[in-house]
Amino acid sequence: MVVDAADIRFTKRSSGFEVTPRDGAQAIAGTDLLVAVGRRPNTDDLGLAEAGVEVDGRGYIIVDDQLRTNVEHIWAMGDCNGRGAFNAYVV
């Protein structure tokens, strides 16, 4: 289950833990926990604006299903396009 909350509380329980979103949503209990806090693309110093490559509001390079950018002959793969660090296009 994914909890998309800006403010959450973790409580240790005898059988594991409980996650309670402070927005009033129902608490979730479990034995294992994975916390992903997000990432930021490292694209600030690539000169994308000078090359005319479009990025989204978070700095990810915008690509199509074949990882092409809006600029002919430029593709973007890996975590800089926001689709995950390990993606590929198979021909």
C-alpha atoms as a PDB file:
ATOM      1  CA  MET A   1       0.000   0.000   0.000  1.00  0.00           C
ATOM      2  CA  VAL A   2       1.252   3.511  -0.778  1.00  0.00           C
ATOM      3  CA  VAL A   3       0.614   6.381   1.604  1.00  0.00           C
ATOM      4  CA  ASP A   4       0.903   9.735  -0.118  1.00  0.00           C
ATOM      5  CA  ALA A   5       0.846  12.119   2.801  1.00  0.00           C
ATOM      6  CA  ALA A   6       2.909  15.174   3.584  1.00  0.00           C
ATOM      7  CA  ASP A   7       2.876  14.523   7.327  1.00  0.00           C
ATOM      8  CA  ILE A   8       2.821  11.030   8.834  1.00  0.00           C
ATOM      9  CA  ARG A   9       3.493   9.475  12.236  1.00  0.00           C
ATOM     10  CA  PHE A  10       5.184   6.095  12.868  1.00  0.00           C
ATOM     11  CA  THR A  11       4.336   4.190  16.034  1.00  0.00           C
ATOM     12  CA  LYS A  12       6.190   1.059  17.182  1.00  0.00           C
ATOM     13  CA  ARG A  13       3.855  -1.805  18.020  1.00  0.00           C
ATOM     14  CA  SER A  14       4.601  -5.245  19.491  1.00  0.00           C
ATOM     15  CA  SER A  15       3.975  -6.882  16.114  1.00  0.00           C
ATOM     16  CA  GLY A  16       5.685  -4.224  13.981  1.00  0.00           C
ATOM     17  CA  PHE A  17       4.578  -0.651  13.391  1.00  0.00           C
ATOM     18  CA  GLU A  18       1.670   1.589  12.551  1.00  0.00           C
ATOM     19  CA  VAL A  19       1.696   4.494  10.099  1.00  0.00           C
ATOM     20  CA  THR A  20      -0.837   7.236  10.714  1.00  0.00           C
ATOM     21  CA  PRO A  21      -1.300  10.070   8.208  1.00  0.00           C
ATOM     22  CA  ARG A  22      -2.062  13.230  10.146  1.00  0.00           C
ATOM     23  CA  ASP A  23      -4.612  14.312   7.549  1.00  0.00           C
ATOM     24  CA  GLY A  24      -7.168  12.045   9.195  1.00  0.00           C
ATOM     25  CA  ALA A  25      -6.768   9.049   6.883  1.00  0.00           C
ATOM     26  CA  GLN A  26      -6.965   5.552   8.334  1.00  0.00           C
ATOM     27  CA  ALA A  27      -3.854   4.148  10.065  1.00  0.00           C
ATOM     28  CA  ILE A  28      -1.985   1.280   8.419  1.00  0.00           C
ATOM     29  CA  ALA A  29      -0.270  -1.501  10.401  1.00  0.00           C
ATOM     30  CA  GLY A  30       2.540  -3.699   9.142  1.00  0.00           C
ATOM     31  CA  THR A  31       5.617  -5.750   9.927  1.00  0.00           C
ATOM     32  CA  ASP A  32       7.938  -4.242   7.308  1.00  0.00           C
ATOM     33  CA  LEU A  33       8.339  -0.697   6.117  1.00  0.00           C
ATOM     34  CA  LEU A  34       9.826   0.944   3.030  1.00  0.00           C
ATOM     35  CA  VAL A  35      10.102   4.713   3.098  1.00  0.00           C
ATOM     36  CA  ALA A  36      10.816   6.515  -0.174  1.00  0.00           C
ATOM     37  CA  VAL A  37      11.322  10.224   0.296  1.00  0.00           C
ATOM     38  CA  GLY A  38      11.851  11.119  -3.334  1.00  0.00           C
ATOM     39  CA  ARG A  39      14.709  12.234  -5.495  1.00  0.00           C
ATOM     40  CA  ARG A  40      15.693  15.305  -7.410  1.00  0.00           C
ATOM     41  CA  PRO A  41      17.203  15.060 -10.896  1.00  0.00           C
ATOM     42  CA  ASN A  42      20.771  16.274 -11.323  1.00  0.00           C
ATOM     43  CA  THR A  43      20.098  18.281 -14.485  1.00  0.00           C
ATOM     44  CA  ASP A  44      20.808  21.855 -13.359  1.00  0.00           C
ATOM     45  CA  ASP A  45      24.261  22.124 -14.933  1.00  0.00           C
ATOM     46  CA  LEU A  46      23.715  20.193 -18.184  1.00  0.00           C
ATOM     47  CA  GLY A  47      22.943  23.241 -20.326  1.00  0.00           C
ATOM     48  CA  LEU A  48      19.521  21.934 -21.253  1.00  0.00           C
ATOM     49  CA  ALA A  49      18.021  25.396 -21.767  1.00  0.00           C
ATOM     50  CA  GLU A  50      20.849  26.336 -24.137  1.00  0.00           C
ATOM     51  CA  ALA A  51      20.255  23.117 -26.100  1.00  0.00           C
ATOM     52  CA  GLY A  52      16.501  23.733 -26.173  1.00  0.00           C
ATOM     53  CA  VAL A  53      15.664  20.556 -24.239  1.00  0.00           C
ATOM     54  CA  GLU A  54      12.376  20.822 -22.341  1.00  0.00           C
ATOM     55  CA  VAL A  55      12.177  19.925 -18.649  1.00  0.00           C
ATOM     56  CA  ASP A  56       9.169  19.700 -16.379  1.00  0.00           C
ATOM     57  CA  GLY A  57       8.548  21.803 -13.282  1.00  0.00           C
ATOM     58  CA  ARG A  58      10.714  19.521 -11.155  1.00  0.00           C
ATOM     59  CA  GLY A  59      13.704  19.534 -13.537  1.00  0.00           C
ATOM     60  CA  TYR A  60      13.107  16.129 -15.175  1.00  0.00           C
ATOM     61  CA  ILE A  61      13.829  15.932 -18.896  1.00  0.00           C
ATOM     62  CA  ILE A  62      10.591  15.362 -20.834  1.00  0.00           C
ATOM     63  CA  VAL A  63      10.773  12.306 -23.103  1.00  0.00           C
ATOM     64  CA  ASP A  64       8.422  10.192 -25.215  1.00  0.00           C
ATOM     65  CA  ASP A  65       8.019   6.394 -25.051  1.00  0.00           C
ATOM     66  CA  GLN A  66      11.273   5.974 -26.984  1.00  0.00           C
ATOM     67  CA  LEU A  67      13.157   8.308 -24.585  1.00  0.00           C
ATOM     68  CA  ARG A  68      13.444  11.058 -27.219  1.00  0.00           C
ATOM     69  CA  THR A  69      13.426  14.672 -26.067  1.00  0.00           C
ATOM     70  CA  ASN A  70      11.865  17.521 -28.011  1.00  0.00           C
ATOM     71  CA  VAL A  71      15.235  18.123 -29.703  1.00  0.00           C
ATOM     72  CA  GLU A  72      16.118  15.881 -32.640  1.00  0.00           C
ATOM     73  CA  HIS A  73      19.039  13.533 -31.916  1.00  0.00           C
ATOM     74  CA  ILE A  74      18.852  13.978 -28.121  1.00  0.00           C
ATOM     75  CA  TRP A  75      17.560  11.155 -25.923  1.00  0.00           C
ATOM     76  CA  ALA A  76      17.473  11.034 -22.137  1.00  0.00           C
ATOM     77  CA  MET A  77      17.594   7.858 -20.086  1.00  0.00           C
ATOM     78  CA  GLY A  78      18.100   7.056 -16.450  1.00  0.00           C
ATOM     79  CA  ASP A  79      16.869   9.011 -13.480  1.00  0.00           C
ATOM     80  CA  CYS A  80      17.139  12.398 -15.274  1.00  0.00           C
ATOM     81  CA  ASN A  81      13.868  11.728 -17.139  1.00  0.00           C
ATOM     82  CA  GLY A  82      11.823  10.805 -14.056  1.00  0.00           C
ATOM     83  CA  ARG A  83      10.953   7.322 -15.297  1.00  0.00           C
ATOM     84  CA  GLY A  84      13.373   5.526 -12.994  1.00  0.00           C
ATOM     85  CA  ALA A  85      17.078   4.877 -12.988  1.00  0.00           C
ATOM     86  CA  PHE A  86      16.827   1.674 -15.050  1.00  0.00           C
ATOM     87  CA  ASN A  87      14.679   2.019 -18.127  1.00  0.00           C
ATOM     88  CA  ALA A  88      15.333   0.963 -21.666  1.00  0.00           C
ATOM     89  CA  TYR A  89      13.766   0.963 -25.068  1.00  0.00           C
ATOM     90  CA  VAL A  90      13.988  -2.356 -26.887  1.00  0.00           C
ATOM     91  CA  VAL A  91      13.998  -2.294 -30.672  1.00  0.00           C
END
